[in-house]
N, C-alpha and C. Protein backbone atom coordinates (compact mmCIF):
# COMPACT_ATOMS: atom_id res chain seq x y z
N MET A 1 37.06 181.65 104.39
CA MET A 1 38.08 181.17 103.46
C MET A 1 38.37 179.71 103.71
N ALA A 2 37.92 178.88 102.83
CA ALA A 2 38.19 177.45 102.97
C ALA A 2 39.61 177.17 102.51
N GLY A 3 40.31 176.32 103.24
CA GLY A 3 41.70 176.03 102.93
C GLY A 3 41.87 174.79 102.09
N GLU A 4 43.09 174.32 102.02
CA GLU A 4 43.44 173.23 101.13
C GLU A 4 42.73 171.95 101.51
N GLY A 5 42.49 171.75 102.80
CA GLY A 5 41.87 170.52 103.23
C GLY A 5 40.49 170.32 102.65
N GLU A 6 39.84 171.44 102.25
CA GLU A 6 38.50 171.33 101.72
C GLU A 6 38.48 171.36 100.19
N GLN A 7 39.21 172.28 99.57
CA GLN A 7 39.09 172.44 98.13
C GLN A 7 40.43 172.46 97.41
N GLY A 8 41.49 172.04 98.04
CA GLY A 8 42.79 172.13 97.41
C GLY A 8 43.27 173.56 97.37
N CYS A 9 44.38 173.79 96.69
CA CYS A 9 44.92 175.14 96.56
C CYS A 9 43.96 176.01 95.77
N ARG A 10 43.79 177.25 96.24
CA ARG A 10 42.82 178.14 95.62
C ARG A 10 43.46 179.49 95.30
N LEU A 11 42.78 180.23 94.47
CA LEU A 11 43.23 181.54 94.04
C LEU A 11 42.81 182.62 95.06
N TYR A 12 43.69 183.58 95.29
CA TYR A 12 43.44 184.70 96.20
C TYR A 12 43.78 185.95 95.41
N LEU A 13 42.78 186.72 95.05
CA LEU A 13 42.99 187.90 94.20
C LEU A 13 43.27 189.13 95.04
N ILE A 14 44.27 189.90 94.65
CA ILE A 14 44.56 191.19 95.23
C ILE A 14 44.34 192.25 94.16
N THR A 15 43.69 193.34 94.53
CA THR A 15 43.41 194.38 93.54
C THR A 15 44.70 195.04 93.07
N PRO A 16 44.70 195.62 91.88
CA PRO A 16 45.87 196.38 91.41
C PRO A 16 46.12 197.59 92.31
N PRO A 17 47.31 198.18 92.23
CA PRO A 17 47.65 199.30 93.09
C PRO A 17 46.75 200.53 92.90
N ALA A 18 46.18 200.68 91.71
CA ALA A 18 45.26 201.78 91.43
C ALA A 18 44.12 201.24 90.56
N ILE A 19 42.90 201.67 90.86
CA ILE A 19 41.75 201.17 90.10
C ILE A 19 40.83 202.33 89.72
N ASP A 20 40.12 202.15 88.62
CA ASP A 20 39.11 203.09 88.16
C ASP A 20 37.75 202.53 88.60
N LEU A 21 37.12 203.20 89.55
CA LEU A 21 35.88 202.65 90.12
C LEU A 21 34.72 202.63 89.12
N LYS A 22 34.86 203.31 88.01
CA LYS A 22 33.81 203.22 86.98
C LYS A 22 33.91 201.92 86.20
N ARG A 23 35.13 201.43 86.03
CA ARG A 23 35.34 200.23 85.21
C ARG A 23 35.62 198.98 86.04
N PHE A 24 36.27 199.15 87.16
CA PHE A 24 36.82 197.98 87.85
C PHE A 24 35.77 197.02 88.41
N PRO A 25 34.62 197.49 88.91
CA PRO A 25 33.64 196.50 89.39
C PRO A 25 33.24 195.47 88.33
N SER A 26 33.12 195.90 87.08
CA SER A 26 32.78 194.94 86.02
C SER A 26 33.94 193.99 85.74
N LEU A 27 35.17 194.48 85.85
CA LEU A 27 36.32 193.60 85.68
C LEU A 27 36.40 192.59 86.82
N MET A 28 36.08 193.04 88.04
CA MET A 28 36.05 192.12 89.17
C MET A 28 34.99 191.03 88.96
N ALA A 29 33.82 191.43 88.49
CA ALA A 29 32.76 190.46 88.23
C ALA A 29 33.21 189.45 87.17
N GLU A 30 33.87 189.94 86.13
CA GLU A 30 34.38 189.05 85.08
C GLU A 30 35.35 188.03 85.66
N ALA A 31 36.25 188.50 86.51
CA ALA A 31 37.24 187.60 87.11
C ALA A 31 36.57 186.55 87.98
N LEU A 32 35.66 186.98 88.85
CA LEU A 32 35.04 186.04 89.79
C LEU A 32 34.11 185.06 89.09
N ASP A 33 33.52 185.47 87.98
CA ASP A 33 32.61 184.58 87.26
C ASP A 33 33.35 183.57 86.39
N ALA A 34 34.68 183.72 86.29
CA ALA A 34 35.45 182.86 85.40
C ALA A 34 35.94 181.57 86.07
N GLY A 35 35.85 181.49 87.39
CA GLY A 35 36.34 180.29 88.07
C GLY A 35 36.49 180.50 89.56
N ASP A 36 36.99 179.48 90.23
CA ASP A 36 37.08 179.50 91.69
C ASP A 36 38.07 180.56 92.18
N VAL A 37 37.60 181.38 93.12
CA VAL A 37 38.43 182.34 93.83
C VAL A 37 38.07 182.26 95.30
N GLY A 38 39.08 182.12 96.17
CA GLY A 38 38.81 181.94 97.58
C GLY A 38 38.63 183.24 98.33
N ALA A 39 39.28 184.31 97.88
CA ALA A 39 39.23 185.58 98.59
C ALA A 39 39.68 186.70 97.65
N VAL A 40 39.22 187.90 97.97
CA VAL A 40 39.67 189.12 97.30
C VAL A 40 40.16 190.08 98.37
N GLN A 41 41.35 190.64 98.16
CA GLN A 41 41.87 191.65 99.08
C GLN A 41 41.90 193.01 98.38
N LEU A 42 41.25 193.99 99.00
CA LEU A 42 41.33 195.35 98.50
C LEU A 42 42.59 195.99 99.05
N ARG A 43 43.53 196.26 98.15
CA ARG A 43 44.83 196.81 98.56
C ARG A 43 45.09 198.09 97.79
N LEU A 44 44.73 199.21 98.40
CA LEU A 44 44.94 200.52 97.81
C LEU A 44 45.69 201.37 98.84
N LYS A 45 46.94 201.63 98.58
CA LYS A 45 47.79 202.34 99.52
C LYS A 45 47.62 203.85 99.38
N ASP A 46 47.80 204.54 100.49
CA ASP A 46 47.91 206.00 100.50
C ASP A 46 46.65 206.72 100.03
N LEU A 47 45.49 206.12 100.25
CA LEU A 47 44.24 206.80 99.94
C LEU A 47 43.59 207.30 101.22
N GLU A 48 42.86 208.38 101.10
CA GLU A 48 42.07 208.88 102.23
C GLU A 48 40.94 207.91 102.54
N ASP A 49 40.43 207.98 103.76
CA ASP A 49 39.38 207.05 104.18
C ASP A 49 38.13 207.15 103.30
N ASP A 50 37.79 208.37 102.86
CA ASP A 50 36.60 208.51 102.02
C ASP A 50 36.77 207.76 100.69
N ALA A 51 37.97 207.84 100.12
CA ALA A 51 38.23 207.13 98.87
C ALA A 51 38.21 205.62 99.09
N LEU A 52 38.76 205.18 100.21
CA LEU A 52 38.72 203.75 100.52
C LEU A 52 37.28 203.28 100.71
N LYS A 53 36.47 204.09 101.38
CA LYS A 53 35.06 203.73 101.57
C LYS A 53 34.35 203.59 100.23
N ARG A 54 34.61 204.50 99.31
CA ARG A 54 33.98 204.41 97.98
C ARG A 54 34.40 203.13 97.28
N ALA A 55 35.67 202.77 97.40
CA ALA A 55 36.15 201.53 96.77
C ALA A 55 35.49 200.31 97.41
N ILE A 56 35.41 200.31 98.73
CA ILE A 56 34.74 199.19 99.42
C ILE A 56 33.29 199.08 98.98
N ASP A 57 32.59 200.20 98.96
CA ASP A 57 31.17 200.19 98.60
C ASP A 57 30.96 199.72 97.17
N ALA A 58 31.92 200.01 96.29
CA ALA A 58 31.78 199.62 94.89
C ALA A 58 32.08 198.14 94.67
N LEU A 59 33.02 197.60 95.44
CA LEU A 59 33.50 196.24 95.16
C LEU A 59 32.95 195.18 96.11
N ARG A 60 32.71 195.53 97.35
CA ARG A 60 32.27 194.52 98.32
C ARG A 60 31.02 193.78 97.87
N PRO A 61 29.97 194.46 97.36
CA PRO A 61 28.80 193.70 96.93
C PRO A 61 29.08 192.75 95.78
N VAL A 62 29.96 193.17 94.86
CA VAL A 62 30.31 192.31 93.72
C VAL A 62 30.97 191.02 94.22
N VAL A 63 31.84 191.16 95.21
CA VAL A 63 32.59 190.01 95.71
C VAL A 63 31.72 189.13 96.62
N GLN A 64 31.09 189.75 97.59
CA GLN A 64 30.32 188.97 98.57
C GLN A 64 29.09 188.31 97.96
N SER A 65 28.51 188.91 96.94
CA SER A 65 27.33 188.30 96.31
C SER A 65 27.68 187.00 95.61
N ARG A 66 28.96 186.79 95.36
CA ARG A 66 29.42 185.55 94.73
C ARG A 66 29.99 184.56 95.74
N GLY A 67 29.78 184.84 97.01
CA GLY A 67 30.23 183.93 98.06
C GLY A 67 31.72 183.92 98.29
N VAL A 68 32.38 185.03 97.93
CA VAL A 68 33.83 185.14 98.07
C VAL A 68 34.13 186.11 99.22
N ALA A 69 35.14 185.78 100.03
CA ALA A 69 35.52 186.64 101.15
C ALA A 69 36.15 187.92 100.63
N PHE A 70 35.74 189.06 101.22
CA PHE A 70 36.25 190.37 100.84
C PHE A 70 37.05 190.93 102.00
N LEU A 71 38.37 191.05 101.81
CA LEU A 71 39.28 191.44 102.88
C LEU A 71 39.89 192.81 102.60
N MET A 72 40.15 193.54 103.67
CA MET A 72 40.71 194.89 103.57
C MET A 72 42.17 194.86 103.96
N ASN A 73 43.03 195.42 103.12
CA ASN A 73 44.44 195.51 103.47
C ASN A 73 44.67 196.63 104.47
N ASP A 74 45.46 196.34 105.50
CA ASP A 74 45.95 197.35 106.44
C ASP A 74 44.95 197.83 107.49
N ARG A 75 43.68 197.90 107.15
CA ARG A 75 42.74 198.68 107.94
C ARG A 75 41.61 197.82 108.53
N PRO A 76 41.88 197.12 109.63
CA PRO A 76 40.81 196.35 110.25
C PRO A 76 39.66 197.22 110.73
N ASP A 77 39.95 198.47 111.06
CA ASP A 77 38.87 199.37 111.49
C ASP A 77 37.87 199.61 110.37
N LEU A 78 38.36 199.85 109.16
CA LEU A 78 37.47 200.06 108.03
C LEU A 78 36.77 198.76 107.62
N ALA A 79 37.47 197.64 107.80
CA ALA A 79 36.85 196.35 107.49
C ALA A 79 35.59 196.14 108.33
N VAL A 80 35.70 196.44 109.61
CA VAL A 80 34.55 196.28 110.51
C VAL A 80 33.48 197.31 110.18
N LYS A 81 33.89 198.54 109.98
CA LYS A 81 32.94 199.64 109.79
C LYS A 81 32.12 199.49 108.51
N HIS A 82 32.73 198.90 107.48
CA HIS A 82 32.08 198.87 106.17
C HIS A 82 31.72 197.47 105.68
N GLY A 83 31.64 196.51 106.60
CA GLY A 83 31.06 195.22 106.26
C GLY A 83 31.94 194.25 105.51
N CYS A 84 33.26 194.39 105.62
CA CYS A 84 34.16 193.43 104.98
C CYS A 84 34.20 192.14 105.81
N ASP A 85 34.80 191.11 105.22
CA ASP A 85 34.88 189.81 105.88
C ASP A 85 36.13 189.65 106.73
N GLY A 86 37.02 190.63 106.69
CA GLY A 86 38.24 190.54 107.48
C GLY A 86 39.27 191.51 106.97
N ALA A 87 40.50 191.35 107.46
CA ALA A 87 41.58 192.25 107.09
C ALA A 87 42.89 191.51 107.02
N HIS A 88 43.80 192.06 106.21
CA HIS A 88 45.16 191.54 106.11
C HIS A 88 46.12 192.62 106.59
N VAL A 89 47.04 192.26 107.48
CA VAL A 89 47.99 193.25 108.00
C VAL A 89 49.42 192.79 107.73
N GLY A 90 50.27 193.77 107.44
CA GLY A 90 51.69 193.49 107.26
C GLY A 90 52.44 193.70 108.55
N GLN A 91 53.73 193.42 108.52
CA GLN A 91 54.54 193.56 109.72
C GLN A 91 54.72 195.03 110.12
N GLN A 92 54.52 195.95 109.20
CA GLN A 92 54.64 197.38 109.50
C GLN A 92 53.28 198.04 109.68
N ASP A 93 52.22 197.27 109.66
CA ASP A 93 50.87 197.81 109.77
C ASP A 93 50.35 197.61 111.20
N THR A 94 49.04 197.59 111.34
CA THR A 94 48.43 197.33 112.64
C THR A 94 48.93 196.00 113.19
N PRO A 95 49.44 195.94 114.42
CA PRO A 95 49.88 194.65 114.99
C PRO A 95 48.74 193.63 114.98
N ALA A 96 49.10 192.37 114.79
CA ALA A 96 48.08 191.32 114.69
C ALA A 96 47.19 191.26 115.92
N THR A 97 47.77 191.43 117.09
CA THR A 97 46.96 191.36 118.32
C THR A 97 45.94 192.51 118.37
N THR A 98 46.37 193.69 117.92
CA THR A 98 45.45 194.82 117.86
C THR A 98 44.38 194.60 116.80
N ALA A 99 44.80 194.09 115.64
CA ALA A 99 43.85 193.82 114.57
C ALA A 99 42.79 192.81 115.01
N ARG A 100 43.20 191.79 115.74
CA ARG A 100 42.23 190.80 116.22
C ARG A 100 41.22 191.42 117.17
N LYS A 101 41.69 192.30 118.04
CA LYS A 101 40.76 192.97 118.95
C LYS A 101 39.74 193.80 118.19
N ILE A 102 40.19 194.45 117.12
CA ILE A 102 39.29 195.27 116.31
C ILE A 102 38.31 194.40 115.53
N LEU A 103 38.82 193.32 114.94
CA LEU A 103 37.99 192.46 114.10
C LEU A 103 37.03 191.60 114.89
N GLY A 104 37.40 191.28 116.14
CA GLY A 104 36.60 190.34 116.90
C GLY A 104 36.93 188.92 116.51
N PRO A 105 36.25 187.95 117.11
CA PRO A 105 36.63 186.55 116.90
C PRO A 105 36.19 185.95 115.57
N ASP A 106 35.26 186.59 114.88
CA ASP A 106 34.62 185.92 113.74
C ASP A 106 35.15 186.36 112.38
N LEU A 107 35.72 187.57 112.28
CA LEU A 107 36.23 188.03 110.99
C LEU A 107 37.63 187.48 110.74
N THR A 108 37.98 187.35 109.48
CA THR A 108 39.25 186.76 109.07
C THR A 108 40.41 187.72 109.29
N LEU A 109 41.50 187.21 109.85
CA LEU A 109 42.73 187.97 110.01
C LEU A 109 43.87 187.25 109.31
N GLY A 110 44.49 187.94 108.34
CA GLY A 110 45.68 187.42 107.67
C GLY A 110 46.88 188.26 108.01
N VAL A 111 48.06 187.63 108.07
CA VAL A 111 49.27 188.32 108.49
C VAL A 111 50.41 188.00 107.53
N THR A 112 51.09 189.05 107.05
CA THR A 112 52.29 188.89 106.24
C THR A 112 53.44 188.38 107.10
N CYS A 113 54.12 187.33 106.64
CA CYS A 113 55.23 186.76 107.41
C CYS A 113 56.52 186.67 106.60
N HIS A 114 56.53 187.26 105.41
CA HIS A 114 57.73 187.33 104.56
C HIS A 114 58.32 185.92 104.33
N ASP A 115 59.58 185.73 104.75
CA ASP A 115 60.24 184.44 104.60
C ASP A 115 60.60 183.87 105.97
N SER A 116 59.84 184.28 107.00
CA SER A 116 60.23 184.00 108.38
C SER A 116 59.33 182.97 109.06
N ARG A 117 59.95 181.89 109.50
CA ARG A 117 59.22 180.89 110.28
C ARG A 117 58.82 181.45 111.64
N ASP A 118 59.69 182.26 112.22
CA ASP A 118 59.39 182.84 113.53
C ASP A 118 58.18 183.77 113.45
N LEU A 119 58.13 184.62 112.42
CA LEU A 119 56.98 185.51 112.27
C LEU A 119 55.70 184.72 112.07
N ALA A 120 55.79 183.62 111.32
CA ALA A 120 54.60 182.80 111.08
C ALA A 120 54.11 182.14 112.36
N MET A 121 55.03 181.61 113.15
CA MET A 121 54.64 180.99 114.41
C MET A 121 54.00 182.02 115.34
N THR A 122 54.58 183.22 115.37
CA THR A 122 54.02 184.29 116.20
C THR A 122 52.62 184.67 115.72
N ALA A 123 52.44 184.78 114.41
CA ALA A 123 51.13 185.11 113.87
C ALA A 123 50.09 184.05 114.24
N GLY A 124 50.51 182.78 114.18
CA GLY A 124 49.60 181.72 114.60
C GLY A 124 49.21 181.84 116.06
N ASP A 125 50.18 182.16 116.89
CA ASP A 125 49.90 182.35 118.31
C ASP A 125 48.98 183.55 118.54
N GLU A 126 49.05 184.53 117.64
CA GLU A 126 48.24 185.73 117.77
C GLU A 126 46.91 185.61 117.02
N THR A 127 46.49 184.38 116.79
CA THR A 127 45.17 184.00 116.25
C THR A 127 44.95 184.43 114.80
N ALA A 128 46.03 184.47 114.00
CA ALA A 128 45.84 184.69 112.57
C ALA A 128 45.06 183.53 111.97
N ASP A 129 44.19 183.84 111.01
CA ASP A 129 43.45 182.80 110.30
C ASP A 129 44.22 182.26 109.11
N TYR A 130 45.19 183.03 108.64
CA TYR A 130 46.13 182.53 107.64
C TYR A 130 47.41 183.34 107.73
N VAL A 131 48.50 182.76 107.25
CA VAL A 131 49.78 183.46 107.17
C VAL A 131 50.18 183.54 105.70
N ALA A 132 50.85 184.63 105.33
CA ALA A 132 51.26 184.84 103.95
C ALA A 132 52.78 184.89 103.85
N PHE A 133 53.34 184.07 102.97
CA PHE A 133 54.77 184.02 102.75
C PHE A 133 55.11 184.59 101.36
N GLY A 134 56.26 185.25 101.23
CA GLY A 134 56.70 185.75 99.95
C GLY A 134 57.67 186.92 100.13
N ALA A 135 58.20 187.46 99.02
CA ALA A 135 57.81 187.14 97.67
C ALA A 135 58.59 185.93 97.15
N PHE A 136 57.87 185.10 96.36
CA PHE A 136 58.50 183.91 95.81
C PHE A 136 59.21 184.20 94.48
N PHE A 137 58.73 185.20 93.75
CA PHE A 137 59.31 185.56 92.47
C PHE A 137 59.39 187.08 92.37
N PRO A 138 60.19 187.61 91.45
CA PRO A 138 60.23 189.06 91.26
C PRO A 138 58.84 189.61 90.95
N THR A 139 58.53 190.77 91.51
CA THR A 139 57.21 191.36 91.31
C THR A 139 57.35 192.86 91.11
N THR A 140 56.49 193.39 90.25
CA THR A 140 56.47 194.84 90.02
C THR A 140 55.39 195.53 90.83
N THR A 141 54.59 194.76 91.55
CA THR A 141 53.48 195.33 92.29
C THR A 141 53.94 196.10 93.52
N LYS A 142 54.97 195.59 94.18
CA LYS A 142 55.49 196.28 95.36
C LYS A 142 56.99 196.02 95.46
N ASP A 143 57.63 196.78 96.29
CA ASP A 143 59.07 196.62 96.51
C ASP A 143 59.28 195.46 97.49
N ALA A 144 59.58 194.29 96.96
CA ALA A 144 59.71 193.10 97.80
C ALA A 144 61.12 192.99 98.36
N LYS A 145 61.24 193.17 99.67
CA LYS A 145 62.55 193.11 100.32
C LYS A 145 62.91 191.70 100.76
N PHE A 146 61.96 190.78 100.70
CA PHE A 146 62.19 189.43 101.18
C PHE A 146 61.93 188.44 100.03
N ARG A 147 62.67 187.34 100.04
CA ARG A 147 62.48 186.30 99.04
C ARG A 147 62.29 184.96 99.75
N ALA A 148 61.15 184.37 99.53
CA ALA A 148 60.84 183.08 100.15
C ALA A 148 61.05 181.95 99.15
N THR A 149 61.21 180.75 99.66
CA THR A 149 61.37 179.56 98.83
C THR A 149 60.30 178.53 99.20
N PRO A 150 59.98 177.60 98.29
CA PRO A 150 58.87 176.68 98.55
C PRO A 150 59.01 175.84 99.81
N ASP A 151 60.23 175.66 100.31
CA ASP A 151 60.37 174.80 101.49
C ASP A 151 59.65 175.36 102.72
N ILE A 152 59.45 176.68 102.77
CA ILE A 152 58.74 177.24 103.92
C ILE A 152 57.26 176.86 103.87
N LEU A 153 56.71 176.73 102.67
CA LEU A 153 55.33 176.28 102.53
C LEU A 153 55.20 174.81 102.94
N GLU A 154 56.17 174.03 102.53
CA GLU A 154 56.15 172.61 102.88
C GLU A 154 56.26 172.42 104.39
N TRP A 155 57.17 173.15 105.01
CA TRP A 155 57.34 173.10 106.47
C TRP A 155 56.05 173.49 107.18
N TRP A 156 55.46 174.60 106.77
CA TRP A 156 54.26 175.10 107.45
C TRP A 156 53.08 174.14 107.27
N SER A 157 52.86 173.68 106.05
CA SER A 157 51.68 172.86 105.79
C SER A 157 51.77 171.50 106.47
N GLU A 158 52.99 171.02 106.69
CA GLU A 158 53.15 169.74 107.38
C GLU A 158 52.94 169.88 108.88
N MET A 159 53.19 171.08 109.41
CA MET A 159 53.19 171.26 110.85
C MET A 159 51.93 171.94 111.39
N MET A 160 51.31 172.77 110.59
CA MET A 160 50.24 173.63 111.09
C MET A 160 48.94 173.42 110.32
N GLU A 161 47.83 173.62 111.01
CA GLU A 161 46.51 173.55 110.37
C GLU A 161 46.12 174.90 109.76
N ILE A 162 46.72 176.00 110.23
CA ILE A 162 46.38 177.32 109.72
C ILE A 162 46.80 177.41 108.25
N PRO A 163 45.92 177.86 107.36
CA PRO A 163 46.27 177.95 105.94
C PRO A 163 47.43 178.91 105.69
N CYS A 164 48.16 178.65 104.60
CA CYS A 164 49.23 179.55 104.18
C CYS A 164 48.97 180.05 102.77
N VAL A 165 49.33 181.30 102.57
CA VAL A 165 49.18 181.98 101.28
C VAL A 165 50.56 182.26 100.71
N ALA A 166 50.75 181.94 99.44
CA ALA A 166 51.99 182.30 98.74
C ALA A 166 51.73 183.54 97.91
N ILE A 167 52.69 184.47 97.92
CA ILE A 167 52.50 185.74 97.22
C ILE A 167 53.82 186.18 96.59
N GLY A 168 53.71 186.97 95.52
CA GLY A 168 54.90 187.59 94.94
C GLY A 168 55.25 187.07 93.57
N GLY A 169 54.79 187.77 92.53
CA GLY A 169 55.18 187.44 91.16
C GLY A 169 54.68 186.11 90.66
N ILE A 170 53.60 185.59 91.22
CA ILE A 170 53.12 184.25 90.87
C ILE A 170 52.32 184.31 89.57
N THR A 171 52.60 183.36 88.69
CA THR A 171 51.91 183.24 87.40
C THR A 171 51.47 181.80 87.18
N ALA A 172 50.70 181.59 86.13
CA ALA A 172 50.29 180.23 85.78
C ALA A 172 51.51 179.37 85.43
N GLU A 173 52.55 180.01 84.92
CA GLU A 173 53.73 179.25 84.49
C GLU A 173 54.62 178.85 85.66
N ASN A 174 54.73 179.71 86.67
CA ASN A 174 55.71 179.41 87.74
C ASN A 174 55.09 178.88 89.03
N CYS A 175 53.76 178.73 89.06
CA CYS A 175 53.11 178.36 90.32
C CYS A 175 53.19 176.89 90.72
N PRO A 176 53.44 175.92 89.81
CA PRO A 176 53.36 174.51 90.23
C PRO A 176 54.19 174.15 91.47
N PRO A 177 55.46 174.60 91.62
CA PRO A 177 56.19 174.22 92.83
C PRO A 177 55.54 174.70 94.12
N LEU A 178 54.83 175.83 94.06
CA LEU A 178 54.18 176.36 95.25
C LEU A 178 52.95 175.53 95.61
N VAL A 179 52.21 175.13 94.60
CA VAL A 179 51.05 174.26 94.84
C VAL A 179 51.52 172.93 95.43
N GLN A 180 52.55 172.37 94.84
CA GLN A 180 53.03 171.06 95.28
C GLN A 180 53.71 171.12 96.64
N ALA A 181 54.19 172.29 97.04
CA ALA A 181 54.81 172.44 98.35
C ALA A 181 53.79 172.60 99.47
N GLY A 182 52.53 172.84 99.10
CA GLY A 182 51.49 172.89 100.12
C GLY A 182 50.79 174.22 100.31
N ALA A 183 50.98 175.17 99.40
CA ALA A 183 50.26 176.44 99.52
C ALA A 183 48.75 176.19 99.48
N ASP A 184 48.03 176.80 100.41
CA ASP A 184 46.57 176.71 100.40
C ASP A 184 45.96 177.73 99.46
N PHE A 185 46.64 178.86 99.30
CA PHE A 185 46.18 179.92 98.41
C PHE A 185 47.37 180.50 97.67
N LEU A 186 47.12 180.91 96.41
CA LEU A 186 48.10 181.66 95.63
C LEU A 186 47.54 183.07 95.45
N ALA A 187 48.25 184.06 96.01
CA ALA A 187 47.83 185.45 95.88
C ALA A 187 48.43 186.05 94.62
N VAL A 188 47.58 186.61 93.77
CA VAL A 188 48.06 187.14 92.49
C VAL A 188 47.46 188.52 92.23
N VAL A 189 48.22 189.29 91.47
CA VAL A 189 47.76 190.59 90.99
C VAL A 189 47.88 190.59 89.47
N GLY A 190 49.11 190.76 88.98
CA GLY A 190 49.33 190.90 87.55
C GLY A 190 48.89 189.72 86.71
N ALA A 191 49.02 188.51 87.24
CA ALA A 191 48.66 187.32 86.46
C ALA A 191 47.20 187.33 86.04
N VAL A 192 46.36 188.02 86.79
CA VAL A 192 44.94 188.13 86.44
C VAL A 192 44.63 189.48 85.80
N TRP A 193 44.97 190.57 86.48
CA TRP A 193 44.54 191.89 86.00
C TRP A 193 45.30 192.34 84.77
N ASN A 194 46.50 191.82 84.54
CA ASN A 194 47.27 192.20 83.36
C ASN A 194 47.24 191.14 82.26
N HIS A 195 46.38 190.15 82.41
CA HIS A 195 46.33 189.10 81.38
C HIS A 195 45.89 189.70 80.05
N PRO A 196 46.56 189.36 78.96
CA PRO A 196 46.25 190.00 77.66
C PRO A 196 44.84 189.74 77.17
N GLN A 197 44.22 188.64 77.62
CA GLN A 197 42.84 188.36 77.23
C GLN A 197 41.82 188.78 78.29
N GLY A 198 42.28 189.53 79.30
CA GLY A 198 41.36 190.02 80.32
C GLY A 198 41.40 189.20 81.59
N PRO A 199 40.82 189.73 82.68
CA PRO A 199 40.90 189.06 83.98
C PRO A 199 40.21 187.71 84.04
N GLY A 200 39.15 187.52 83.27
CA GLY A 200 38.50 186.22 83.26
C GLY A 200 39.44 185.15 82.75
N ALA A 201 40.15 185.46 81.67
CA ALA A 201 41.13 184.52 81.12
C ALA A 201 42.26 184.29 82.12
N GLY A 202 42.62 185.34 82.86
CA GLY A 202 43.66 185.19 83.86
C GLY A 202 43.27 184.23 84.97
N VAL A 203 42.03 184.34 85.44
CA VAL A 203 41.55 183.41 86.47
C VAL A 203 41.49 181.99 85.93
N ARG A 204 41.00 181.82 84.71
CA ARG A 204 40.93 180.48 84.14
C ARG A 204 42.32 179.86 84.00
N ALA A 205 43.28 180.66 83.54
CA ALA A 205 44.65 180.14 83.37
C ALA A 205 45.25 179.74 84.71
N MET A 206 45.04 180.56 85.76
CA MET A 206 45.58 180.23 87.07
C MET A 206 44.94 178.97 87.63
N ASN A 207 43.63 178.86 87.51
CA ASN A 207 42.96 177.68 88.05
C ASN A 207 43.35 176.40 87.29
N GLN A 208 43.54 176.53 85.99
CA GLN A 208 43.99 175.35 85.22
C GLN A 208 45.38 174.93 85.66
N ALA A 209 46.25 175.91 85.91
CA ALA A 209 47.61 175.59 86.35
C ALA A 209 47.61 174.98 87.75
N ILE A 210 46.77 175.49 88.63
CA ILE A 210 46.66 174.93 89.98
C ILE A 210 46.17 173.49 89.93
N GLN A 211 45.15 173.26 89.11
CA GLN A 211 44.61 171.90 89.01
C GLN A 211 45.64 170.93 88.45
N ALA A 212 46.34 171.37 87.40
CA ALA A 212 47.36 170.50 86.80
C ALA A 212 48.47 170.20 87.78
N ALA A 213 48.90 171.21 88.54
CA ALA A 213 49.97 170.99 89.52
C ALA A 213 49.51 170.08 90.65
N SER A 214 48.24 170.19 91.02
CA SER A 214 47.71 169.35 92.10
C SER A 214 47.66 167.88 91.70
N LEU A 215 47.49 167.64 90.41
CA LEU A 215 47.37 166.25 89.93
C LEU A 215 48.71 165.65 89.54
N ALA A 216 49.75 166.50 89.47
CA ALA A 216 51.06 166.03 89.01
C ALA A 216 51.70 165.12 90.05
């Protein structure tokens, strides 16, 4: 995952809460072929391991064949077992230190840090490859108990080399302050997968907004 220093702020796609494996691989291909995406996170809660394996097997080749990092939510063990590029863990999931031991030194580790500078500093000390802050806006994807503001992105990007990801209700319309505050990645779900013209149009709209905000 290349950060802002190399390519500016980039898009980070998270899968919808539920997917149809017959249709979704083609939608993923449409999204990735529409413009720059830095990473894809497979986030499917409360599924059995066999179902998660089927989802990984269906989507990982689509993502990795396009040179995009494919990350597993919650489960660093499955990430290693099934050829993913890394894992993302929350504060209630596998501890970052444990996840790093499972992933080894080369796979990507991302850590949710909500709106907390202390959690972010701890994640950096625990060898996270990126930290994620949010939610920045209301979101229907998950029950967001924390609300972050752009100043935490500005603080982090000025002080740390580790990339930061902004997440939570982000759209093409509301993302400019996050880009300008120093977010290396914008994590989105609905802005792409629920776009009325399809996921390809969603990716194009997000990338156009990121570029415009970067030049402002």
